[in-house]
């Protein structure tokens, strides 16, 4: 089974067509949202397809613009089994809104804790140490999407029982491959991060997650089938933990 644990289904030019093709291919997808207001429309894309799940999110790059949607986030959270995309972004152009990002992230984590925990897809670009600090004592399962932190931060993340979702775009870089080689294989899940992420200049689709298996197989010195089975086993373990 192909599993895409982080895609932006609602942001494709024709999201209904993408959702339909996901169904035809029998793949599992976690469709993350960037704002609470996108929840209902994105949820509609999954109608009749139990293999596509919708995550409730407020993206850190939009936190300063959508902080007023936290009340809506709280009202929708009881309906959501997954939360994402959430987190922090210390990159250029976003660090200037750091205080609002922290306010939003802390509010969301507090709400998740009160709700008993969720599977979370988390953005941590140039902010991994702070993300991990904020996760202290929070119930649920954190999945660090497209992790780009240091080796020290990676160790901290592993100590906090974080999972990691990796995709074809991450495995195109030397740095990405190195980080993945240091992550225990039973903590790895696959993602596309489409339509934002690209592979060979082309935007990734959820079913392009299959491109990840060859990269993982090479890193792990196993066959593509063994790599795919490992990811499926990890996915089942994740659901059992949750």
C-alpha atoms as a PDB file:
ATOM      1  CA  UNK A   1       0.000   0.000   0.000  1.00  0.00           C
ATOM      2  CA  UNK A   2       1.197   3.510  -0.809  1.00  0.00           C
ATOM      3  CA  UNK A   3       0.876   5.864   2.153  1.00  0.00           C
ATOM      4  CA  UNK A   4       1.128   9.648   1.885  1.00  0.00           C
ATOM      5  CA  UNK A   5       1.239  11.079   5.395  1.00  0.00           C
ATOM      6  CA  UNK A   6       1.459  14.721   4.318  1.00  0.00           C
ATOM      7  CA  UNK A   7      -0.148  16.243   1.247  1.00  0.00           C
ATOM      8  CA  UNK A   8      -2.148  19.405   0.609  1.00  0.00           C
ATOM      9  CA  UNK A   9      -5.011  17.851  -1.309  1.00  0.00           C
ATOM     10  CA  UNK A  10      -7.117  21.013  -1.321  1.00  0.00           C
ATOM     11  CA  UNK A  11      -4.352  23.069  -2.927  1.00  0.00           C
ATOM     12  CA  UNK A  12      -4.045  21.111  -6.169  1.00  0.00           C
ATOM     13  CA  UNK A  13      -5.600  22.867  -9.200  1.00  0.00           C
ATOM     14  CA  UNK A  14      -8.271  20.128  -9.421  1.00  0.00           C
ATOM     15  CA  UNK A  15      -8.448  18.580  -5.927  1.00  0.00           C
ATOM     16  CA  UNK A  16     -11.521  16.456  -6.670  1.00  0.00           C
ATOM     17  CA  UNK A  17      -9.741  14.797  -9.587  1.00  0.00           C
ATOM     18  CA  UNK A  18      -6.705  14.099  -7.392  1.00  0.00           C
ATOM     19  CA  UNK A  19      -8.909  12.672  -4.636  1.00  0.00           C
ATOM     20  CA  UNK A  20     -10.667  10.441  -7.166  1.00  0.00           C
ATOM     21  CA  UNK A  21      -7.371   9.134  -8.529  1.00  0.00           C
ATOM     22  CA  UNK A  22      -6.176   8.447  -4.966  1.00  0.00           C
ATOM     23  CA  UNK A  23      -9.291   6.351  -4.473  1.00  0.00           C
ATOM     24  CA  UNK A  24      -8.761   4.487  -7.752  1.00  0.00           C
ATOM     25  CA  UNK A  25      -5.190   3.688  -6.750  1.00  0.00           C
ATOM     26  CA  UNK A  26      -6.250   2.569  -3.267  1.00  0.00           C
ATOM     27  CA  UNK A  27      -3.674   4.697  -1.516  1.00  0.00           C
ATOM     28  CA  UNK A  28      -3.902   6.135   1.980  1.00  0.00           C
ATOM     29  CA  UNK A  29      -3.447   9.902   2.268  1.00  0.00           C
ATOM     30  CA  UNK A  30      -3.400  12.392   5.111  1.00  0.00           C
ATOM     31  CA  UNK A  31      -4.712  15.621   3.663  1.00  0.00           C
ATOM     32  CA  UNK A  32      -3.346  18.431   5.819  1.00  0.00           C
ATOM     33  CA  UNK A  33      -4.869  21.902   5.956  1.00  0.00           C
ATOM     34  CA  UNK A  34      -3.143  25.256   6.352  1.00  0.00           C
ATOM     35  CA  UNK A  35      -6.017  27.101   8.068  1.00  0.00           C
ATOM     36  CA  UNK A  36      -9.062  26.034  10.106  1.00  0.00           C
ATOM     37  CA  UNK A  37     -11.310  27.727   7.534  1.00  0.00           C
ATOM     38  CA  UNK A  38     -10.096  25.197   4.966  1.00  0.00           C
ATOM     39  CA  UNK A  39     -11.340  22.260   7.079  1.00  0.00           C
ATOM     40  CA  UNK A  40     -14.884  21.873   5.744  1.00  0.00           C
ATOM     41  CA  UNK A  41     -13.966  22.215   2.084  1.00  0.00           C
ATOM     42  CA  UNK A  42     -11.068  19.794   2.434  1.00  0.00           C
ATOM     43  CA  UNK A  43     -13.202  17.330   4.352  1.00  0.00           C
ATOM     44  CA  UNK A  44     -15.674  17.309   1.461  1.00  0.00           C
ATOM     45  CA  UNK A  45     -12.920  15.956  -0.799  1.00  0.00           C
ATOM     46  CA  UNK A  46     -12.836  12.752   1.259  1.00  0.00           C
ATOM     47  CA  UNK A  47     -16.533  11.946   0.967  1.00  0.00           C
ATOM     48  CA  UNK A  48     -16.957   8.247   0.240  1.00  0.00           C
ATOM     49  CA  UNK A  49     -13.240   7.492   0.626  1.00  0.00           C
ATOM     50  CA  UNK A  50     -12.221   6.159   4.032  1.00  0.00           C
ATOM     51  CA  UNK A  51      -8.559   5.981   2.994  1.00  0.00           C
ATOM     52  CA  UNK A  52      -8.199   9.761   2.841  1.00  0.00           C
ATOM     53  CA  UNK A  53      -8.125  11.462   6.229  1.00  0.00           C
ATOM     54  CA  UNK A  54      -8.254  15.203   6.827  1.00  0.00           C
ATOM     55  CA  UNK A  55      -5.987  16.930   9.339  1.00  0.00           C
ATOM     56  CA  UNK A  56      -6.950  20.182  11.046  1.00  0.00           C
ATOM     57  CA  UNK A  57      -4.159  22.713  10.859  1.00  0.00           C
ATOM     58  CA  UNK A  58      -2.893  26.265  11.040  1.00  0.00           C
ATOM     59  CA  UNK A  59       0.391  26.591   9.159  1.00  0.00           C
ATOM     60  CA  UNK A  60       3.107  28.597  10.946  1.00  0.00           C
ATOM     61  CA  UNK A  61       3.744  30.686   7.845  1.00  0.00           C
ATOM     62  CA  UNK A  62       0.132  31.874   8.076  1.00  0.00           C
ATOM     63  CA  UNK A  63      -0.068  32.125  11.863  1.00  0.00           C
ATOM     64  CA  UNK A  64       0.258  35.928  11.982  1.00  0.00           C
ATOM     65  CA  UNK A  65      -2.523  36.316   9.410  1.00  0.00           C
ATOM     66  CA  UNK A  66      -4.912  33.694  10.797  1.00  0.00           C
ATOM     67  CA  UNK A  67      -4.418  33.892  14.558  1.00  0.00           C
ATOM     68  CA  UNK A  68      -8.079  34.860  14.866  1.00  0.00           C
ATOM     69  CA  UNK A  69      -9.018  31.368  13.624  1.00  0.00           C
ATOM     70  CA  UNK A  70      -7.835  29.683  16.829  1.00  0.00           C
ATOM     71  CA  UNK A  71     -11.361  29.755  18.194  1.00  0.00           C
ATOM     72  CA  UNK A  72     -12.560  27.959  15.058  1.00  0.00           C
ATOM     73  CA  UNK A  73      -9.699  25.466  15.447  1.00  0.00           C
ATOM     74  CA  UNK A  74     -10.881  24.627  18.965  1.00  0.00           C
ATOM     75  CA  UNK A  75     -14.467  24.166  17.840  1.00  0.00           C
ATOM     76  CA  UNK A  76     -13.428  21.772  15.047  1.00  0.00           C
ATOM     77  CA  UNK A  77     -10.859  19.775  17.000  1.00  0.00           C
ATOM     78  CA  UNK A  78     -13.361  17.238  18.432  1.00  0.00           C
ATOM     79  CA  UNK A  79     -14.124  16.184  14.825  1.00  0.00           C
ATOM     80  CA  UNK A  80     -10.461  15.805  13.837  1.00  0.00           C
ATOM     81  CA  UNK A  81      -8.461  12.662  14.585  1.00  0.00           C
ATOM     82  CA  UNK A  82      -5.376  14.229  12.977  1.00  0.00           C
ATOM     83  CA  UNK A  83      -3.831  17.679  13.337  1.00  0.00           C
ATOM     84  CA  UNK A  84      -1.596  19.333  10.738  1.00  0.00           C
ATOM     85  CA  UNK A  85       0.021  21.251   9.345  1.00  0.00           C
ATOM     86  CA  UNK A  86       1.137  22.999  12.519  1.00  0.00           C
ATOM     87  CA  UNK A  87       4.500  24.015  13.951  1.00  0.00           C
ATOM     88  CA  UNK A  88       7.045  26.808  13.702  1.00  0.00           C
ATOM     89  CA  UNK A  89       9.110  28.350  10.906  1.00  0.00           C
ATOM     90  CA  UNK A  90      12.301  30.245  11.660  1.00  0.00           C
ATOM     91  CA  UNK A  91      13.151  30.809   8.026  1.00  0.00           C
ATOM     92  CA  UNK A  92      13.705  34.087   6.242  1.00  0.00           C
ATOM     93  CA  UNK A  93      10.499  36.101   5.954  1.00  0.00           C
ATOM     94  CA  UNK A  94       8.769  34.255   8.774  1.00  0.00           C
ATOM     95  CA  UNK A  95      11.025  34.670  11.836  1.00  0.00           C
ATOM     96  CA  UNK A  96       9.746  38.256  12.113  1.00  0.00           C
ATOM     97  CA  UNK A  97       6.367  36.786  13.087  1.00  0.00           C
ATOM     98  CA  UNK A  98       7.903  34.443  15.657  1.00  0.00           C
ATOM     99  CA  UNK A  99       5.877  35.687  18.623  1.00  0.00           C
ATOM    100  CA  UNK A 100       2.575  35.072  16.809  1.00  0.00           C
ATOM    101  CA  UNK A 101       3.792  31.664  15.646  1.00  0.00           C
ATOM    102  CA  UNK A 102       4.634  30.678  19.204  1.00  0.00           C
ATOM    103  CA  UNK A 103       1.295  31.939  20.473  1.00  0.00           C
ATOM    104  CA  UNK A 104      -0.574  29.897  17.869  1.00  0.00           C
ATOM    105  CA  UNK A 105       1.533  26.749  18.318  1.00  0.00           C
ATOM    106  CA  UNK A 106       1.260  26.826  22.091  1.00  0.00           C
ATOM    107  CA  UNK A 107      -2.492  27.331  21.924  1.00  0.00           C
ATOM    108  CA  UNK A 108      -2.897  24.413  19.524  1.00  0.00           C
ATOM    109  CA  UNK A 109      -0.719  22.092  21.621  1.00  0.00           C
ATOM    110  CA  UNK A 110      -2.658  23.001  24.767  1.00  0.00           C
ATOM    111  CA  UNK A 111      -5.934  22.258  22.983  1.00  0.00           C
ATOM    112  CA  UNK A 112      -4.580  18.918  21.725  1.00  0.00           C
ATOM    113  CA  UNK A 113      -3.463  17.996  25.229  1.00  0.00           C
ATOM    114  CA  UNK A 114      -6.864  18.867  26.653  1.00  0.00           C
ATOM    115  CA  UNK A 115      -8.509  16.772  23.926  1.00  0.00           C
ATOM    116  CA  UNK A 116      -6.426  13.724  24.878  1.00  0.00           C
ATOM    117  CA  UNK A 117      -3.824  13.863  22.109  1.00  0.00           C
ATOM    118  CA  UNK A 118      -3.749  13.555  18.334  1.00  0.00           C
ATOM    119  CA  UNK A 119      -1.462  12.350  15.555  1.00  0.00           C
ATOM    120  CA  UNK A 120       0.263  15.591  14.517  1.00  0.00           C
ATOM    121  CA  UNK A 121       2.045  16.519  11.283  1.00  0.00           C
ATOM    122  CA  UNK A 122       4.543  19.183  12.292  1.00  0.00           C
ATOM    123  CA  UNK A 123       6.546  21.793  10.380  1.00  0.00           C
ATOM    124  CA  UNK A 124       9.914  22.572  11.999  1.00  0.00           C
ATOM    125  CA  UNK A 125      12.019  24.450   9.444  1.00  0.00           C
ATOM    126  CA  UNK A 126      14.866  26.320  11.188  1.00  0.00           C
ATOM    127  CA  UNK A 127      13.029  25.810  14.473  1.00  0.00           C
ATOM    128  CA  UNK A 128      13.394  22.161  15.474  1.00  0.00           C
ATOM    129  CA  UNK A 129      14.834  22.778  18.949  1.00  0.00           C
ATOM    130  CA  UNK A 130      11.989  25.106  19.901  1.00  0.00           C
ATOM    131  CA  UNK A 131       9.374  22.797  18.394  1.00  0.00           C
ATOM    132  CA  UNK A 132      10.715  19.902  20.453  1.00  0.00           C
ATOM    133  CA  UNK A 133      10.786  22.011  23.609  1.00  0.00           C
ATOM    134  CA  UNK A 134       7.163  23.047  23.098  1.00  0.00           C
ATOM    135  CA  UNK A 135       6.156  19.402  22.596  1.00  0.00           C
ATOM    136  CA  UNK A 136       7.307  18.526  26.127  1.00  0.00           C
ATOM    137  CA  UNK A 137       4.457  16.905  28.008  1.00  0.00           C
ATOM    138  CA  UNK A 138       2.033  17.058  25.069  1.00  0.00           C
ATOM    139  CA  UNK A 139      -0.132  13.984  24.477  1.00  0.00           C
ATOM    140  CA  UNK A 140      -0.252  12.418  21.044  1.00  0.00           C
ATOM    141  CA  UNK A 141       2.127  11.305  18.309  1.00  0.00           C
ATOM    142  CA  UNK A 142       4.326  13.988  16.688  1.00  0.00           C
ATOM    143  CA  UNK A 143       5.399  13.378  13.087  1.00  0.00           C
ATOM    144  CA  UNK A 144       8.095  15.792  11.959  1.00  0.00           C
ATOM    145  CA  UNK A 145       7.388  16.447   8.296  1.00  0.00           C
ATOM    146  CA  UNK A 146      10.422  16.924   6.008  1.00  0.00           C
ATOM    147  CA  UNK A 147      12.809  17.289   8.954  1.00  0.00           C
ATOM    148  CA  UNK A 148      15.844  19.494   8.218  1.00  0.00           C
ATOM    149  CA  UNK A 149      17.338  19.945  11.683  1.00  0.00           C
ATOM    150  CA  UNK A 150      20.807  19.163  12.964  1.00  0.00           C
ATOM    151  CA  UNK A 151      22.049  15.777  14.118  1.00  0.00           C
ATOM    152  CA  UNK A 152      21.744  16.983  17.710  1.00  0.00           C
ATOM    153  CA  UNK A 153      18.135  18.022  17.099  1.00  0.00           C
ATOM    154  CA  UNK A 154      17.471  14.685  15.451  1.00  0.00           C
ATOM    155  CA  UNK A 155      18.671  12.898  18.587  1.00  0.00           C
ATOM    156  CA  UNK A 156      16.453  15.143  20.700  1.00  0.00           C
ATOM    157  CA  UNK A 157      13.500  14.322  18.450  1.00  0.00           C
ATOM    158  CA  UNK A 158      14.141  10.601  18.741  1.00  0.00           C
ATOM    159  CA  UNK A 159      14.389  10.932  22.522  1.00  0.00           C
ATOM    160  CA  UNK A 160      10.942  12.552  22.450  1.00  0.00           C
ATOM    161  CA  UNK A 161       9.531   9.616  20.457  1.00  0.00           C
ATOM    162  CA  UNK A 162       8.958  11.656  17.319  1.00  0.00           C
ATOM    163  CA  UNK A 163       8.225  10.059  13.970  1.00  0.00           C
ATOM    164  CA  UNK A 164       9.366  11.418  10.611  1.00  0.00           C
ATOM    165  CA  UNK A 165       7.672  11.655   7.226  1.00  0.00           C
ATOM    166  CA  UNK A 166      10.038  11.763   4.255  1.00  0.00           C
ATOM    167  CA  UNK A 167       9.403  12.092   0.546  1.00  0.00           C
ATOM    168  CA  UNK A 168      11.047  12.011  -2.865  1.00  0.00           C
ATOM    169  CA  UNK A 169      12.072  15.671  -2.676  1.00  0.00           C
ATOM    170  CA  UNK A 170      13.878  15.169   0.641  1.00  0.00           C
ATOM    171  CA  UNK A 171      15.734  12.153  -0.707  1.00  0.00           C
ATOM    172  CA  UNK A 172      16.975  14.162  -3.686  1.00  0.00           C
ATOM    173  CA  UNK A 173      19.409  16.004  -1.424  1.00  0.00           C
ATOM    174  CA  UNK A 174      22.621  14.724   0.162  1.00  0.00           C
ATOM    175  CA  UNK A 175      21.600  16.291   3.468  1.00  0.00           C
ATOM    176  CA  UNK A 176      18.191  14.636   3.361  1.00  0.00           C
ATOM    177  CA  UNK A 177      19.660  11.216   2.667  1.00  0.00           C
ATOM    178  CA  UNK A 178      22.138  11.624   5.508  1.00  0.00           C
ATOM    179  CA  UNK A 179      19.410  12.502   8.008  1.00  0.00           C
ATOM    180  CA  UNK A 180      17.205   9.616   6.884  1.00  0.00           C
ATOM    181  CA  UNK A 181      20.125   7.211   7.277  1.00  0.00           C
ATOM    182  CA  UNK A 182      20.331   8.225  10.945  1.00  0.00           C
ATOM    183  CA  UNK A 183      16.630   7.699  11.703  1.00  0.00           C
ATOM    184  CA  UNK A 184      15.579   4.234  12.904  1.00  0.00           C
ATOM    185  CA  UNK A 185      13.655   2.683  10.038  1.00  0.00           C
ATOM    186  CA  UNK A 186      10.693   1.909  12.312  1.00  0.00           C
ATOM    187  CA  UNK A 187      10.131   5.650  12.872  1.00  0.00           C
ATOM    188  CA  UNK A 188       9.823   6.596   9.192  1.00  0.00           C
ATOM    189  CA  UNK A 189       6.671   7.244   7.166  1.00  0.00           C
ATOM    190  CA  UNK A 190       6.323   8.506   3.604  1.00  0.00           C
ATOM    191  CA  UNK A 191       4.926  11.772   2.282  1.00  0.00           C
ATOM    192  CA  UNK A 192       4.647  13.738  -0.939  1.00  0.00           C
ATOM    193  CA  UNK A 193       4.101  17.285   0.409  1.00  0.00           C
ATOM    194  CA  UNK A 194       2.375  17.902  -2.892  1.00  0.00           C
ATOM    195  CA  UNK A 195       1.691  20.176  -4.605  1.00  0.00           C
ATOM    196  CA  UNK A 196       4.470  22.222  -2.948  1.00  0.00           C
ATOM    197  CA  UNK A 197       7.273  19.671  -3.194  1.00  0.00           C
ATOM    198  CA  UNK A 198       8.742  18.872  -6.594  1.00  0.00           C
ATOM    199  CA  UNK A 199      10.714  15.975  -8.039  1.00  0.00           C
ATOM    200  CA  UNK A 200      12.804  16.580 -11.150  1.00  0.00           C
ATOM    201  CA  UNK A 201      11.019  19.907 -11.556  1.00  0.00           C
ATOM    202  CA  UNK A 202       7.509  18.427 -11.474  1.00  0.00           C
ATOM    203  CA  UNK A 203       5.035  18.887  -8.632  1.00  0.00           C
ATOM    204  CA  UNK A 204       4.527  15.699  -6.673  1.00  0.00           C
ATOM    205  CA  UNK A 205       1.188  13.898  -6.534  1.00  0.00           C
ATOM    206  CA  UNK A 206       0.162  11.670  -3.599  1.00  0.00           C
ATOM    207  CA  UNK A 207       0.836   8.486  -5.598  1.00  0.00           C
ATOM    208  CA  UNK A 208       4.378   9.697  -6.345  1.00  0.00           C
ATOM    209  CA  UNK A 209       5.208   8.643  -2.789  1.00  0.00           C
ATOM    210  CA  UNK A 210       6.154   5.362  -4.451  1.00  0.00           C
ATOM    211  CA  UNK A 211       9.320   7.116  -5.661  1.00  0.00           C
ATOM    212  CA  UNK A 212      10.501   7.186  -2.037  1.00  0.00           C
ATOM    213  CA  UNK A 213      10.862   3.418  -1.787  1.00  0.00           C
ATOM    214  CA  UNK A 214      13.886   3.174  -4.041  1.00  0.00           C
ATOM    215  CA  UNK A 215      15.700   5.838  -2.028  1.00  0.00           C
ATOM    216  CA  UNK A 216      14.880   4.162   1.267  1.00  0.00           C
ATOM    217  CA  UNK A 217      15.828   0.755  -0.139  1.00  0.00           C
ATOM    218  CA  UNK A 218      19.224   2.111  -1.119  1.00  0.00           C
ATOM    219  CA  UNK A 219      19.828   3.677   2.302  1.00  0.00           C
ATOM    220  CA  UNK A 220      18.691   0.528   4.133  1.00  0.00           C
ATOM    221  CA  UNK A 221      20.345  -1.927   1.696  1.00  0.00           C
ATOM    222  CA  UNK A 222      17.085  -3.794   1.113  1.00  0.00           C
ATOM    223  CA  UNK A 223      14.775  -4.362  -1.860  1.00  0.00           C
ATOM    224  CA  UNK A 224      12.083  -1.869  -2.860  1.00  0.00           C
ATOM    225  CA  UNK A 225       9.426  -4.353  -1.724  1.00  0.00           C
ATOM    226  CA  UNK A 226      11.066  -4.677   1.688  1.00  0.00           C
ATOM    227  CA  UNK A 227      11.211  -0.892   2.029  1.00  0.00           C
ATOM    228  CA  UNK A 228       7.526  -0.612   1.127  1.00  0.00           C
ATOM    229  CA  UNK A 229       6.606  -3.328   3.622  1.00  0.00           C
ATOM    230  CA  UNK A 230       8.589  -1.539   6.349  1.00  0.00           C
ATOM    231  CA  UNK A 231       6.622   1.660   5.760  1.00  0.00           C
ATOM    232  CA  UNK A 232       3.324  -0.222   5.828  1.00  0.00           C
ATOM    233  CA  UNK A 233       4.330  -1.916   9.096  1.00  0.00           C
ATOM    234  CA  UNK A 234       5.277   1.467  10.552  1.00  0.00           C
ATOM    235  CA  UNK A 235       1.924   2.884   9.515  1.00  0.00           C
ATOM    236  CA  UNK A 236       0.036   0.084  11.253  1.00  0.00           C
ATOM    237  CA  UNK A 237       2.123   0.606  14.397  1.00  0.00           C
ATOM    238  CA  UNK A 238       1.369   4.342  14.323  1.00  0.00           C
ATOM    239  CA  UNK A 239      -2.367   3.684  14.193  1.00  0.00           C
ATOM    240  CA  UNK A 240      -2.142   1.182  17.051  1.00  0.00           C
ATOM    241  CA  UNK A 241      -0.265   3.700  19.226  1.00  0.00           C
ATOM    242  CA  UNK A 242      -2.841   6.353  18.554  1.00  0.00           C
END
